[in-house]
Protein backbone atom coordinates (compact mmCIF):
# COMPACT_ATOMS: atom_id res chain seq x y z
CA MET A 1 18.72 5.90 -8.07
CA VAL A 2 18.04 2.20 -8.60
CA ASP A 3 15.75 0.65 -6.02
CA LYS A 4 16.43 -2.69 -4.38
CA LEU A 5 13.76 -4.57 -6.36
CA GLU A 6 15.45 -3.45 -9.60
CA ILE A 7 18.79 -4.72 -8.26
CA ILE A 8 17.23 -8.08 -7.35
CA THR A 9 15.57 -8.34 -10.77
CA GLY A 10 18.86 -7.56 -12.52
CA LEU A 11 20.75 -10.15 -10.49
CA LEU A 12 18.12 -12.79 -11.22
CA TYR A 13 18.16 -11.95 -14.92
CA ALA A 14 21.96 -12.23 -15.04
CA ALA A 15 21.91 -15.52 -13.09
CA GLY A 16 19.47 -17.13 -15.53
CA ASP A 17 18.73 -20.81 -14.83
CA GLU A 18 21.19 -20.84 -11.91
CA GLY A 19 19.06 -18.49 -9.82
CA VAL A 20 20.43 -16.62 -6.82
CA ASP A 21 20.64 -18.02 -3.30
CA GLU A 22 18.55 -16.13 -0.76
CA SER A 23 21.56 -15.46 1.48
CA THR A 24 23.41 -13.86 -1.45
CA LEU A 25 20.45 -11.59 -2.21
CA CYS A 26 20.24 -10.61 1.45
CA GLU A 27 23.92 -9.74 1.51
CA VAL A 28 23.90 -7.75 -1.73
CA VAL A 29 20.80 -5.64 -1.06
CA GLN A 30 21.15 -5.67 2.73
CA LEU A 31 17.66 -6.96 3.49
CA THR A 32 16.35 -9.80 5.63
CA PRO A 33 14.84 -12.93 4.05
CA VAL A 34 11.37 -11.72 5.04
CA GLN A 35 11.98 -8.33 3.40
CA ILE A 36 13.24 -10.05 0.22
CA SER A 37 10.11 -12.22 0.14
CA ASP A 38 7.82 -9.23 0.64
CA MET A 39 9.65 -7.20 -1.99
CA THR A 40 9.61 -9.93 -4.64
CA ARG A 41 5.84 -10.31 -4.20
CA LYS A 42 5.56 -6.69 -5.35
CA PHE A 43 7.24 -7.49 -8.68
CA HIS A 44 4.72 -7.09 -11.49
CA HIS A 45 5.51 -7.71 -15.13
CA SER A 46 3.30 -8.83 -17.98
CA VAL A 47 5.25 -12.04 -18.73
CA LEU A 48 7.81 -12.46 -15.93
CA GLU A 49 7.64 -13.32 -12.26
CA ILE A 50 10.06 -13.92 -9.43
CA ARG A 51 9.75 -17.35 -7.85
CA LYS A 52 11.47 -18.90 -4.87
CA LEU A 53 12.34 -22.57 -5.29
CA GLY A 54 14.12 -24.10 -2.32
CA ASP A 55 16.61 -21.54 -1.05
CA SER A 56 17.02 -19.72 -4.37
CA TYR A 57 15.13 -17.10 -6.32
CA PHE A 58 14.57 -17.19 -10.09
CA LEU A 59 13.23 -14.83 -12.73
CA MET A 60 10.82 -16.94 -14.77
CA ALA A 61 8.18 -16.66 -17.45
CA ASN A 62 4.76 -16.60 -15.87
CA ASP A 63 1.91 -18.98 -16.68
CA SER A 64 0.53 -16.70 -19.41
CA LEU A 65 3.28 -18.04 -21.70
CA THR A 66 2.59 -21.70 -20.97
CA PRO A 67 1.01 -23.52 -23.95
């Protein structure tokens, strides 16, 4: 079974530069904003990270890829 962090990551990947509004994530995975924040902090990948900018979340390259 797919866990909620994998669902969030997939949604953010599909959304690309548009990101996903926090309220939409909460509705889709049925979590509170605090739970979403806590869960996205647990995301670990060698070159990607989940960032919140304003009211939206984005899947972005981390600083290790910055020239």
